Amino acid sequence: MNSTTFLKPTLTFPHHSPEISTCKTMRDL
């Protein structure tokens, strides 16, 4: 299912994506 080896992110992220909340179709996504 998922690999047991995980990569730790090295960047600082905004923890959200405003664009996803505006999606209306899978094509937008």
mmCIF file of all heavy atoms, coordinates in Angstrom:
data_MODEL
# 
_entry.id   MODEL 
# 
loop_
_atom_site.group_PDB 
_atom_site.id 
_atom_site.type_symbol 
_atom_site.label_atom_id 
_atom_site.label_alt_id 
_atom_site.label_comp_id 
_atom_site.label_asym_id 
_atom_site.label_entity_id 
_atom_site.label_seq_id 
_atom_site.pdbx_PDB_ins_code 
_atom_site.Cartn_x 
_atom_site.Cartn_y 
_atom_site.Cartn_z 
_atom_site.occupancy 
_atom_site.B_iso_or_equiv 
_atom_site.pdbx_formal_charge 
_atom_site.auth_seq_id 
_atom_site.auth_comp_id 
_atom_site.auth_asym_id 
_atom_site.auth_atom_id 
_atom_site.pdbx_PDB_model_num 
ATOM 1   N N   . MET A 1 1  ? 0.838   -1.201 0.000   1.00 0.00 ? 1  MET A N   1 
ATOM 2   C CA  . MET A 1 1  ? 0.000   0.000  0.000   1.00 0.00 ? 1  MET A CA  1 
ATOM 3   C C   . MET A 1 1  ? 0.872   1.251  0.000   1.00 0.00 ? 1  MET A C   1 
ATOM 4   O O   . MET A 1 1  ? 0.850   2.065  -0.878  1.00 0.00 ? 1  MET A O   1 
ATOM 5   C CB  . MET A 1 1  ? -0.933  -0.010 1.215   1.00 0.00 ? 1  MET A CB  1 
ATOM 6   C CG  . MET A 1 1  ? -1.793  1.236  1.368   1.00 0.00 ? 1  MET A CG  1 
ATOM 7   S SD  . MET A 1 1  ? -2.945  1.435  0.022   1.00 0.00 ? 1  MET A SD  1 
ATOM 8   C CE  . MET A 1 1  ? -3.979  0.012  0.289   1.00 0.00 ? 1  MET A CE  1 
ATOM 9   N N   . ASN A 1 2  ? 1.714   1.436  1.038   1.00 0.00 ? 2  ASN A N   1 
ATOM 10  C CA  . ASN A 1 2  ? 2.605   2.577  1.146   1.00 0.00 ? 2  ASN A CA  1 
ATOM 11  C C   . ASN A 1 2  ? 3.986   2.087  1.570   1.00 0.00 ? 2  ASN A C   1 
ATOM 12  O O   . ASN A 1 2  ? 4.129   1.155  2.366   1.00 0.00 ? 2  ASN A O   1 
ATOM 13  C CB  . ASN A 1 2  ? 2.091   3.581  2.176   1.00 0.00 ? 2  ASN A CB  1 
ATOM 14  C CG  . ASN A 1 2  ? 0.889   4.350  1.668   1.00 0.00 ? 2  ASN A CG  1 
ATOM 15  O OD1 . ASN A 1 2  ? 1.016   5.284  0.904   1.00 0.00 ? 2  ASN A OD1 1 
ATOM 16  N ND2 . ASN A 1 2  ? -0.289  3.915  2.081   1.00 0.00 ? 2  ASN A ND2 1 
ATOM 17  N N   . SER A 1 3  ? 4.989   2.767  1.106   1.00 0.00 ? 3  SER A N   1 
ATOM 18  C CA  . SER A 1 3  ? 6.350   2.401  1.468   1.00 0.00 ? 3  SER A CA  1 
ATOM 19  C C   . SER A 1 3  ? 6.595   2.697  2.939   1.00 0.00 ? 3  SER A C   1 
ATOM 20  O O   . SER A 1 3  ? 6.043   3.641  3.498   1.00 0.00 ? 3  SER A O   1 
ATOM 21  C CB  . SER A 1 3  ? 7.336   3.210  0.611   1.00 0.00 ? 3  SER A CB  1 
ATOM 22  O OG  . SER A 1 3  ? 8.658   2.987  1.057   1.00 0.00 ? 3  SER A OG  1 
ATOM 23  N N   . THR A 1 4  ? 7.434   1.888  3.582   1.00 0.00 ? 4  THR A N   1 
ATOM 24  C CA  . THR A 1 4  ? 7.727   2.114  5.001   1.00 0.00 ? 4  THR A CA  1 
ATOM 25  C C   . THR A 1 4  ? 8.868   3.100  5.187   1.00 0.00 ? 4  THR A C   1 
ATOM 26  O O   . THR A 1 4  ? 9.236   3.439  6.310   1.00 0.00 ? 4  THR A O   1 
ATOM 27  C CB  . THR A 1 4  ? 8.098   0.782  5.677   1.00 0.00 ? 4  THR A CB  1 
ATOM 28  O OG1 . THR A 1 4  ? 9.182   0.176  4.969   1.00 0.00 ? 4  THR A OG1 1 
ATOM 29  C CG2 . THR A 1 4  ? 6.904   -0.158 5.686   1.00 0.00 ? 4  THR A CG2 1 
ATOM 30  N N   . THR A 1 5  ? 9.481   3.562  4.066   1.00 0.00 ? 5  THR A N   1 
ATOM 31  C CA  . THR A 1 5  ? 10.533  4.576  4.141   1.00 0.00 ? 5  THR A CA  1 
ATOM 32  C C   . THR A 1 5  ? 9.932   5.922  3.800   1.00 0.00 ? 5  THR A C   1 
ATOM 33  O O   . THR A 1 5  ? 9.369   6.110  2.723   1.00 0.00 ? 5  THR A O   1 
ATOM 34  C CB  . THR A 1 5  ? 11.669  4.259  3.149   1.00 0.00 ? 5  THR A CB  1 
ATOM 35  O OG1 . THR A 1 5  ? 12.163  2.959  3.423   1.00 0.00 ? 5  THR A OG1 1 
ATOM 36  C CG2 . THR A 1 5  ? 12.792  5.276  3.276   1.00 0.00 ? 5  THR A CG2 1 
ATOM 37  N N   . PHE A 1 6  ? 10.023  6.890  4.698   1.00 0.00 ? 6  PHE A N   1 
ATOM 38  C CA  . PHE A 1 6  ? 9.350   8.168  4.513   1.00 0.00 ? 6  PHE A CA  1 
ATOM 39  C C   . PHE A 1 6  ? 10.376  9.302  4.389   1.00 0.00 ? 6  PHE A C   1 
ATOM 40  O O   . PHE A 1 6  ? 11.400  9.314  5.088   1.00 0.00 ? 6  PHE A O   1 
ATOM 41  C CB  . PHE A 1 6  ? 8.415   8.459  5.675   1.00 0.00 ? 6  PHE A CB  1 
ATOM 42  C CG  . PHE A 1 6  ? 7.353   7.426  5.841   1.00 0.00 ? 6  PHE A CG  1 
ATOM 43  C CD1 . PHE A 1 6  ? 7.472   6.444  6.812   1.00 0.00 ? 6  PHE A CD1 1 
ATOM 44  C CD2 . PHE A 1 6  ? 6.251   7.403  5.000   1.00 0.00 ? 6  PHE A CD2 1 
ATOM 45  C CE1 . PHE A 1 6  ? 6.509   5.477  6.960   1.00 0.00 ? 6  PHE A CE1 1 
ATOM 46  C CE2 . PHE A 1 6  ? 5.274   6.435  5.145   1.00 0.00 ? 6  PHE A CE2 1 
ATOM 47  C CZ  . PHE A 1 6  ? 5.402   5.474  6.125   1.00 0.00 ? 6  PHE A CZ  1 
ATOM 48  N N   . LEU A 1 7  ? 10.117  10.240 3.528   1.00 0.00 ? 7  LEU A N   1 
ATOM 49  C CA  . LEU A 1 7  ? 10.972  11.413 3.346   1.00 0.00 ? 7  LEU A CA  1 
ATOM 50  C C   . LEU A 1 7  ? 10.423  12.567 4.155   1.00 0.00 ? 7  LEU A C   1 
ATOM 51  O O   . LEU A 1 7  ? 9.237   12.859 4.107   1.00 0.00 ? 7  LEU A O   1 
ATOM 52  C CB  . LEU A 1 7  ? 11.027  11.803 1.860   1.00 0.00 ? 7  LEU A CB  1 
ATOM 53  C CG  . LEU A 1 7  ? 11.603  10.743 0.897   1.00 0.00 ? 7  LEU A CG  1 
ATOM 54  C CD1 . LEU A 1 7  ? 11.466  11.234 -0.537  1.00 0.00 ? 7  LEU A CD1 1 
ATOM 55  C CD2 . LEU A 1 7  ? 13.066  10.470 1.240   1.00 0.00 ? 7  LEU A CD2 1 
ATOM 56  N N   . LYS A 1 8  ? 11.281  13.230 4.887   1.00 0.00 ? 8  LYS A N   1 
ATOM 57  C CA  . LYS A 1 8  ? 10.848  14.384 5.661   1.00 0.00 ? 8  LYS A CA  1 
ATOM 58  C C   . LYS A 1 8  ? 10.924  15.635 4.788   1.00 0.00 ? 8  LYS A C   1 
ATOM 59  O O   . LYS A 1 8  ? 11.946  15.898 4.161   1.00 0.00 ? 8  LYS A O   1 
ATOM 60  C CB  . LYS A 1 8  ? 11.726  14.555 6.901   1.00 0.00 ? 8  LYS A CB  1 
ATOM 61  C CG  . LYS A 1 8  ? 11.586  13.415 7.901   1.00 0.00 ? 8  LYS A CG  1 
ATOM 62  C CD  . LYS A 1 8  ? 12.402  13.695 9.138   1.00 0.00 ? 8  LYS A CD  1 
ATOM 63  C CE  . LYS A 1 8  ? 12.239  12.574 10.155  1.00 0.00 ? 8  LYS A CE  1 
ATOM 64  N NZ  . LYS A 1 8  ? 13.036  12.805 11.376  1.00 0.00 ? 8  LYS A NZ  1 
ATOM 65  N N   . PRO A 1 9  ? 9.871   16.438 4.744   1.00 0.00 ? 9  PRO A N   1 
ATOM 66  C CA  . PRO A 1 9  ? 9.899   17.648 3.922   1.00 0.00 ? 9  PRO A CA  1 
ATOM 67  C C   . PRO A 1 9  ? 10.925  18.646 4.482   1.00 0.00 ? 9  PRO A C   1 
ATOM 68  O O   . PRO A 1 9  ? 11.086  18.778 5.684   1.00 0.00 ? 9  PRO A O   1 
ATOM 69  C CB  . PRO A 1 9  ? 8.467   18.186 4.026   1.00 0.00 ? 9  PRO A CB  1 
ATOM 70  C CG  . PRO A 1 9  ? 7.935   17.588 5.269   1.00 0.00 ? 9  PRO A CG  1 
ATOM 71  C CD  . PRO A 1 9  ? 8.594   16.264 5.421   1.00 0.00 ? 9  PRO A CD  1 
ATOM 72  N N   . THR A 1 10 ? 11.602  19.320 3.575   1.00 0.00 ? 10 THR A N   1 
ATOM 73  C CA  . THR A 1 10 ? 12.618  20.288 3.991   1.00 0.00 ? 10 THR A CA  1 
ATOM 74  C C   . THR A 1 10 ? 12.172  21.721 3.756   1.00 0.00 ? 10 THR A C   1 
ATOM 75  O O   . THR A 1 10 ? 12.908  22.655 4.057   1.00 0.00 ? 10 THR A O   1 
ATOM 76  C CB  . THR A 1 10 ? 13.918  20.041 3.213   1.00 0.00 ? 10 THR A CB  1 
ATOM 77  O OG1 . THR A 1 10 ? 13.654  20.133 1.806   1.00 0.00 ? 10 THR A OG1 1 
ATOM 78  C CG2 . THR A 1 10 ? 14.484  18.665 3.532   1.00 0.00 ? 10 THR A CG2 1 
ATOM 79  N N   . LEU A 1 11 ? 10.967  21.896 3.189   1.00 0.00 ? 11 LEU A N   1 
ATOM 80  C CA  . LEU A 1 11 ? 10.481  23.240 2.914   1.00 0.00 ? 11 LEU A CA  1 
ATOM 81  C C   . LEU A 1 11 ? 9.418   23.636 3.930   1.00 0.00 ? 11 LEU A C   1 
ATOM 82  O O   . LEU A 1 11 ? 8.840   22.805 4.613   1.00 0.00 ? 11 LEU A O   1 
ATOM 83  C CB  . LEU A 1 11 ? 9.874   23.304 1.497   1.00 0.00 ? 11 LEU A CB  1 
ATOM 84  C CG  . LEU A 1 11 ? 10.832  22.969 0.336   1.00 0.00 ? 11 LEU A CG  1 
ATOM 85  C CD1 . LEU A 1 11 ? 10.060  22.931 -0.979  1.00 0.00 ? 11 LEU A CD1 1 
ATOM 86  C CD2 . LEU A 1 11 ? 11.962  23.993 0.252   1.00 0.00 ? 11 LEU A CD2 1 
ATOM 87  N N   . THR A 1 12 ? 9.162   24.923 4.027   1.00 0.00 ? 12 THR A N   1 
ATOM 88  C CA  . THR A 1 12 ? 8.093   25.423 4.879   1.00 0.00 ? 12 THR A CA  1 
ATOM 89  C C   . THR A 1 12 ? 6.859   25.618 3.998   1.00 0.00 ? 12 THR A C   1 
ATOM 90  O O   . THR A 1 12 ? 6.915   26.341 2.999   1.00 0.00 ? 12 THR A O   1 
ATOM 91  C CB  . THR A 1 12 ? 8.474   26.762 5.538   1.00 0.00 ? 12 THR A CB  1 
ATOM 92  O OG1 . THR A 1 12 ? 9.669   26.556 6.288   1.00 0.00 ? 12 THR A OG1 1 
ATOM 93  C CG2 . THR A 1 12 ? 7.363   27.245 6.453   1.00 0.00 ? 12 THR A CG2 1 
ATOM 94  N N   . PHE A 1 13 ? 5.738   24.966 4.384   1.00 0.00 ? 13 PHE A N   1 
ATOM 95  C CA  . PHE A 1 13 ? 4.535   24.981 3.544   1.00 0.00 ? 13 PHE A CA  1 
ATOM 96  C C   . PHE A 1 13 ? 3.442   25.836 4.184   1.00 0.00 ? 13 PHE A C   1 
ATOM 97  O O   . PHE A 1 13 ? 3.388   26.003 5.406   1.00 0.00 ? 13 PHE A O   1 
ATOM 98  C CB  . PHE A 1 13 ? 4.011   23.560 3.347   1.00 0.00 ? 13 PHE A CB  1 
ATOM 99  C CG  . PHE A 1 13 ? 5.019   22.668 2.667   1.00 0.00 ? 13 PHE A CG  1 
ATOM 100 C CD1 . PHE A 1 13 ? 5.669   21.664 3.358   1.00 0.00 ? 13 PHE A CD1 1 
ATOM 101 C CD2 . PHE A 1 13 ? 5.309   22.857 1.321   1.00 0.00 ? 13 PHE A CD2 1 
ATOM 102 C CE1 . PHE A 1 13 ? 6.592   20.848 2.730   1.00 0.00 ? 13 PHE A CE1 1 
ATOM 103 C CE2 . PHE A 1 13 ? 6.223   22.034 0.683   1.00 0.00 ? 13 PHE A CE2 1 
ATOM 104 C CZ  . PHE A 1 13 ? 6.870   21.037 1.388   1.00 0.00 ? 13 PHE A CZ  1 
ATOM 105 N N   . PRO A 1 14 ? 2.518   26.350 3.366   1.00 0.00 ? 14 PRO A N   1 
ATOM 106 C CA  . PRO A 1 14 ? 1.418   27.162 3.902   1.00 0.00 ? 14 PRO A CA  1 
ATOM 107 C C   . PRO A 1 14 ? 0.334   26.324 4.552   1.00 0.00 ? 14 PRO A C   1 
ATOM 108 O O   . PRO A 1 14 ? -0.585  26.865 5.144   1.00 0.00 ? 14 PRO A O   1 
ATOM 109 C CB  . PRO A 1 14 ? 0.867   27.871 2.645   1.00 0.00 ? 14 PRO A CB  1 
ATOM 110 C CG  . PRO A 1 14 ? 1.189   26.929 1.520   1.00 0.00 ? 14 PRO A CG  1 
ATOM 111 C CD  . PRO A 1 14 ? 2.498   26.302 1.887   1.00 0.00 ? 14 PRO A CD  1 
ATOM 112 N N   . HIS A 1 15 ? 0.405   24.980 4.479   1.00 0.00 ? 15 HIS A N   1 
ATOM 113 C CA  . HIS A 1 15 ? -0.561  24.063 5.095   1.00 0.00 ? 15 HIS A CA  1 
ATOM 114 C C   . HIS A 1 15 ? -1.977  24.174 4.529   1.00 0.00 ? 15 HIS A C   1 
ATOM 115 O O   . HIS A 1 15 ? -2.909  23.703 5.137   1.00 0.00 ? 15 HIS A O   1 
ATOM 116 C CB  . HIS A 1 15 ? -0.613  24.262 6.617   1.00 0.00 ? 15 HIS A CB  1 
ATOM 117 C CG  . HIS A 1 15 ? 0.711   24.000 7.278   1.00 0.00 ? 15 HIS A CG  1 
ATOM 118 N ND1 . HIS A 1 15 ? 1.399   22.836 7.118   1.00 0.00 ? 15 HIS A ND1 1 
ATOM 119 C CD2 . HIS A 1 15 ? 1.467   24.786 8.097   1.00 0.00 ? 15 HIS A CD2 1 
ATOM 120 C CE1 . HIS A 1 15 ? 2.539   22.874 7.794   1.00 0.00 ? 15 HIS A CE1 1 
ATOM 121 N NE2 . HIS A 1 15 ? 2.614   24.054 8.399   1.00 0.00 ? 15 HIS A NE2 1 
ATOM 122 N N   . HIS A 1 16 ? -2.117  24.824 3.399   1.00 0.00 ? 16 HIS A N   1 
ATOM 123 C CA  . HIS A 1 16 ? -3.433  24.831 2.752   1.00 0.00 ? 16 HIS A CA  1 
ATOM 124 C C   . HIS A 1 16 ? -3.260  25.239 1.290   1.00 0.00 ? 16 HIS A C   1 
ATOM 125 O O   . HIS A 1 16 ? -2.246  25.822 0.918   1.00 0.00 ? 16 HIS A O   1 
ATOM 126 C CB  . HIS A 1 16 ? -4.404  25.780 3.455   1.00 0.00 ? 16 HIS A CB  1 
ATOM 127 C CG  . HIS A 1 16 ? -4.025  27.228 3.358   1.00 0.00 ? 16 HIS A CG  1 
ATOM 128 N ND1 . HIS A 1 16 ? -4.431  28.018 2.318   1.00 0.00 ? 16 HIS A ND1 1 
ATOM 129 C CD2 . HIS A 1 16 ? -3.241  28.000 4.167   1.00 0.00 ? 16 HIS A CD2 1 
ATOM 130 C CE1 . HIS A 1 16 ? -3.948  29.252 2.476   1.00 0.00 ? 16 HIS A CE1 1 
ATOM 131 N NE2 . HIS A 1 16 ? -3.217  29.266 3.592   1.00 0.00 ? 16 HIS A NE2 1 
ATOM 132 N N   . SER A 1 17 ? -4.260  24.933 0.503   1.00 0.00 ? 17 SER A N   1 
ATOM 133 C CA  . SER A 1 17 ? -4.245  25.323 -0.911  1.00 0.00 ? 17 SER A CA  1 
ATOM 134 C C   . SER A 1 17 ? -5.600  25.930 -1.244  1.00 0.00 ? 17 SER A C   1 
ATOM 135 O O   . SER A 1 17 ? -6.577  25.202 -1.442  1.00 0.00 ? 17 SER A O   1 
ATOM 136 C CB  . SER A 1 17 ? -3.986  24.097 -1.806  1.00 0.00 ? 17 SER A CB  1 
ATOM 137 O OG  . SER A 1 17 ? -4.075  24.458 -3.167  1.00 0.00 ? 17 SER A OG  1 
ATOM 138 N N   . PRO A 1 18 ? -5.668  27.252 -1.265  1.00 0.00 ? 18 PRO A N   1 
ATOM 139 C CA  . PRO A 1 18 ? -6.957  27.919 -1.509  1.00 0.00 ? 18 PRO A CA  1 
ATOM 140 C C   . PRO A 1 18 ? -7.611  27.474 -2.804  1.00 0.00 ? 18 PRO A C   1 
ATOM 141 O O   . PRO A 1 18 ? -8.828  27.457 -2.917  1.00 0.00 ? 18 PRO A O   1 
ATOM 142 C CB  . PRO A 1 18 ? -6.566  29.402 -1.568  1.00 0.00 ? 18 PRO A CB  1 
ATOM 143 C CG  . PRO A 1 18 ? -5.254  29.488 -0.852  1.00 0.00 ? 18 PRO A CG  1 
ATOM 144 C CD  . PRO A 1 18 ? -4.558  28.195 -1.113  1.00 0.00 ? 18 PRO A CD  1 
ATOM 145 N N   . GLU A 1 19 ? -6.771  27.084 -3.814  1.00 0.00 ? 19 GLU A N   1 
ATOM 146 C CA  . GLU A 1 19 ? -7.347  26.708 -5.103  1.00 0.00 ? 19 GLU A CA  1 
ATOM 147 C C   . GLU A 1 19 ? -8.237  25.466 -5.005  1.00 0.00 ? 19 GLU A C   1 
ATOM 148 O O   . GLU A 1 19 ? -9.242  25.358 -5.712  1.00 0.00 ? 19 GLU A O   1 
ATOM 149 C CB  . GLU A 1 19 ? -6.215  26.437 -6.112  1.00 0.00 ? 19 GLU A CB  1 
ATOM 150 C CG  . GLU A 1 19 ? -5.396  27.656 -6.483  1.00 0.00 ? 19 GLU A CG  1 
ATOM 151 C CD  . GLU A 1 19 ? -4.249  27.888 -5.493  1.00 0.00 ? 19 GLU A CD  1 
ATOM 152 O OE1 . GLU A 1 19 ? -4.189  27.131 -4.498  1.00 0.00 ? 19 GLU A OE1 1 
ATOM 153 O OE2 . GLU A 1 19 ? -3.441  28.807 -5.704  1.00 0.00 ? 19 GLU A OE2 1 
ATOM 154 N N   . ILE A 1 20 ? -7.879  24.522 -4.130  1.00 0.00 ? 20 ILE A N   1 
ATOM 155 C CA  . ILE A 1 20 ? -8.654  23.287 -4.008  1.00 0.00 ? 20 ILE A CA  1 
ATOM 156 C C   . ILE A 1 20 ? -10.073 23.576 -3.534  1.00 0.00 ? 20 ILE A C   1 
ATOM 157 O O   . ILE A 1 20 ? -11.043 22.949 -3.979  1.00 0.00 ? 20 ILE A O   1 
ATOM 158 C CB  . ILE A 1 20 ? -7.954  22.303 -3.056  1.00 0.00 ? 20 ILE A CB  1 
ATOM 159 C CG1 . ILE A 1 20 ? -6.613  21.852 -3.660  1.00 0.00 ? 20 ILE A CG1 1 
ATOM 160 C CG2 . ILE A 1 20 ? -8.840  21.072 -2.800  1.00 0.00 ? 20 ILE A CG2 1 
ATOM 161 C CD1 . ILE A 1 20 ? -5.817  20.918 -2.790  1.00 0.00 ? 20 ILE A CD1 1 
ATOM 162 N N   . SER A 1 21 ? -10.231 24.545 -2.667  1.00 0.00 ? 21 SER A N   1 
ATOM 163 C CA  . SER A 1 21 ? -11.559 24.873 -2.137  1.00 0.00 ? 21 SER A CA  1 
ATOM 164 C C   . SER A 1 21 ? -12.472 25.460 -3.205  1.00 0.00 ? 21 SER A C   1 
ATOM 165 O O   . SER A 1 21 ? -13.691 25.503 -3.038  1.00 0.00 ? 21 SER A O   1 
ATOM 166 C CB  . SER A 1 21 ? -11.440 25.842 -0.961  1.00 0.00 ? 21 SER A CB  1 
ATOM 167 O OG  . SER A 1 21 ? -10.853 27.066 -1.391  1.00 0.00 ? 21 SER A OG  1 
ATOM 168 N N   . THR A 1 22 ? -11.890 25.933 -4.312  1.00 0.00 ? 22 THR A N   1 
ATOM 169 C CA  . THR A 1 22 ? -12.708 26.507 -5.392  1.00 0.00 ? 22 THR A CA  1 
ATOM 170 C C   . THR A 1 22 ? -13.020 25.501 -6.490  1.00 0.00 ? 22 THR A C   1 
ATOM 171 O O   . THR A 1 22 ? -13.701 25.817 -7.451  1.00 0.00 ? 22 THR A O   1 
ATOM 172 C CB  . THR A 1 22 ? -11.983 27.717 -6.019  1.00 0.00 ? 22 THR A CB  1 
ATOM 173 O OG1 . THR A 1 22 ? -10.768 27.265 -6.639  1.00 0.00 ? 22 THR A OG1 1 
ATOM 174 C CG2 . THR A 1 22 ? -11.672 28.769 -4.961  1.00 0.00 ? 22 THR A CG2 1 
ATOM 175 N N   . CYS A 1 23 ? -12.512 24.267 -6.348  1.00 0.00 ? 23 CYS A N   1 
ATOM 176 C CA  . CYS A 1 23 ? -12.744 23.223 -7.368  1.00 0.00 ? 23 CYS A CA  1 
ATOM 177 C C   . CYS A 1 23 ? -14.224 22.893 -7.496  1.00 0.00 ? 23 CYS A C   1 
ATOM 178 O O   . CYS A 1 23 ? -14.943 22.813 -6.500  1.00 0.00 ? 23 CYS A O   1 
ATOM 179 C CB  . CYS A 1 23 ? -11.996 21.946 -6.987  1.00 0.00 ? 23 CYS A CB  1 
ATOM 180 S SG  . CYS A 1 23 ? -10.289 21.926 -7.537  1.00 0.00 ? 23 CYS A SG  1 
ATOM 181 N N   . LYS A 1 24 ? -14.631 22.662 -8.739  1.00 0.00 ? 24 LYS A N   1 
ATOM 182 C CA  . LYS A 1 24 ? -16.002 22.232 -8.986  1.00 0.00 ? 24 LYS A CA  1 
ATOM 183 C C   . LYS A 1 24 ? -16.060 20.892 -9.731  1.00 0.00 ? 24 LYS A C   1 
ATOM 184 O O   . LYS A 1 24 ? -17.080 20.205 -9.672  1.00 0.00 ? 24 LYS A O   1 
ATOM 185 C CB  . LYS A 1 24 ? -16.745 23.302 -9.790  1.00 0.00 ? 24 LYS A CB  1 
ATOM 186 C CG  . LYS A 1 24 ? -16.970 24.596 -9.003  1.00 0.00 ? 24 LYS A CG  1 
ATOM 187 C CD  . LYS A 1 24 ? -17.800 25.591 -9.809  1.00 0.00 ? 24 LYS A CD  1 
ATOM 188 C CE  . LYS A 1 24 ? -18.041 26.866 -8.994  1.00 0.00 ? 24 LYS A CE  1 
ATOM 189 N NZ  . LYS A 1 24 ? -18.827 27.872 -9.766  1.00 0.00 ? 24 LYS A NZ  1 
ATOM 190 N N   . THR A 1 25 ? -14.996 20.561 -10.416 1.00 0.00 ? 25 THR A N   1 
ATOM 191 C CA  . THR A 1 25 ? -14.961 19.303 -11.165 1.00 0.00 ? 25 THR A CA  1 
ATOM 192 C C   . THR A 1 25 ? -13.600 18.644 -10.986 1.00 0.00 ? 25 THR A C   1 
ATOM 193 O O   . THR A 1 25 ? -12.629 19.277 -10.558 1.00 0.00 ? 25 THR A O   1 
ATOM 194 C CB  . THR A 1 25 ? -15.199 19.539 -12.667 1.00 0.00 ? 25 THR A CB  1 
ATOM 195 O OG1 . THR A 1 25 ? -14.097 20.301 -13.202 1.00 0.00 ? 25 THR A OG1 1 
ATOM 196 C CG2 . THR A 1 25 ? -16.502 20.293 -12.910 1.00 0.00 ? 25 THR A CG2 1 
ATOM 197 N N   . MET A 1 26 ? -13.530 17.364 -11.349 1.00 0.00 ? 26 MET A N   1 
ATOM 198 C CA  . MET A 1 26 ? -12.256 16.651 -11.291 1.00 0.00 ? 26 MET A CA  1 
ATOM 199 C C   . MET A 1 26 ? -11.265 17.250 -12.294 1.00 0.00 ? 26 MET A C   1 
ATOM 200 O O   . MET A 1 26 ? -10.047 17.200 -12.073 1.00 0.00 ? 26 MET A O   1 
ATOM 201 C CB  . MET A 1 26 ? -12.471 15.168 -11.582 1.00 0.00 ? 26 MET A CB  1 
ATOM 202 C CG  . MET A 1 26 ? -13.002 14.367 -10.405 1.00 0.00 ? 26 MET A CG  1 
ATOM 203 S SD  . MET A 1 26 ? -11.921 14.421 -8.949  1.00 0.00 ? 26 MET A SD  1 
ATOM 204 C CE  . MET A 1 26 ? -10.403 13.722 -9.603  1.00 0.00 ? 26 MET A CE  1 
ATOM 205 N N   . ARG A 1 27 ? -11.757 17.824 -13.365 1.00 0.00 ? 27 ARG A N   1 
ATOM 206 C CA  . ARG A 1 27 ? -10.857 18.457 -14.340 1.00 0.00 ? 27 ARG A CA  1 
ATOM 207 C C   . ARG A 1 27 ? -10.147 19.646 -13.703 1.00 0.00 ? 27 ARG A C   1 
ATOM 208 O O   . ARG A 1 27 ? -8.934  19.842 -13.910 1.00 0.00 ? 27 ARG A O   1 
ATOM 209 C CB  . ARG A 1 27 ? -11.664 18.907 -15.560 1.00 0.00 ? 27 ARG A CB  1 
ATOM 210 C CG  . ARG A 1 27 ? -10.801 19.462 -16.683 1.00 0.00 ? 27 ARG A CG  1 
ATOM 211 C CD  . ARG A 1 27 ? -11.632 19.771 -17.915 1.00 0.00 ? 27 ARG A CD  1 
ATOM 212 N NE  . ARG A 1 27 ? -10.805 20.270 -18.989 1.00 0.00 ? 27 ARG A NE  1 
ATOM 213 C CZ  . ARG A 1 27 ? -11.256 20.629 -20.182 1.00 0.00 ? 27 ARG A CZ  1 
ATOM 214 N NH1 . ARG A 1 27 ? -12.575 20.507 -20.452 1.00 0.00 ? 27 ARG A NH1 1 
ATOM 215 N NH2 . ARG A 1 27 ? -10.443 21.085 -21.113 1.00 0.00 ? 27 ARG A NH2 1 
ATOM 216 N N   . ASP A 1 28 ? -10.875 20.429 -12.915 1.00 0.00 ? 28 ASP A N   1 
ATOM 217 C CA  . ASP A 1 28 ? -10.255 21.537 -12.186 1.00 0.00 ? 28 ASP A CA  1 
ATOM 218 C C   . ASP A 1 28 ? -9.191  21.007 -11.243 1.00 0.00 ? 28 ASP A C   1 
ATOM 219 O O   . ASP A 1 28 ? -8.095  21.573 -11.130 1.00 0.00 ? 28 ASP A O   1 
ATOM 220 C CB  . ASP A 1 28 ? -11.305 22.305 -11.371 1.00 0.00 ? 28 ASP A CB  1 
ATOM 221 C CG  . ASP A 1 28 ? -12.338 22.996 -12.256 1.00 0.00 ? 28 ASP A CG  1 
ATOM 222 O OD1 . ASP A 1 28 ? -12.033 23.232 -13.442 1.00 0.00 ? 28 ASP A OD1 1 
ATOM 223 O OD2 . ASP A 1 28 ? -13.437 23.277 -11.746 1.00 0.00 ? 28 ASP A OD2 1 
ATOM 224 N N   . LEU A 1 29 ? -9.527  19.905 -10.554 1.00 0.00 ? 29 LEU A N   1 
ATOM 225 C CA  . LEU A 1 29 ? -8.596  19.337 -9.581  1.00 0.00 ? 29 LEU A CA  1 
ATOM 226 C C   . LEU A 1 29 ? -7.330  18.816 -10.262 1.00 0.00 ? 29 LEU A C   1 
ATOM 227 O O   . LEU A 1 29 ? -6.227  18.950 -9.708  1.00 0.00 ? 29 LEU A O   1 
ATOM 228 C CB  . LEU A 1 29 ? -9.273  18.206 -8.806  1.00 0.00 ? 29 LEU A CB  1 
ATOM 229 C CG  . LEU A 1 29 ? -8.474  17.710 -7.589  1.00 0.00 ? 29 LEU A CG  1 
ATOM 230 C CD1 . LEU A 1 29 ? -8.583  18.719 -6.456  1.00 0.00 ? 29 LEU A CD1 1 
ATOM 231 C CD2 . LEU A 1 29 ? -8.974  16.361 -7.122  1.00 0.00 ? 29 LEU A CD2 1 
# 
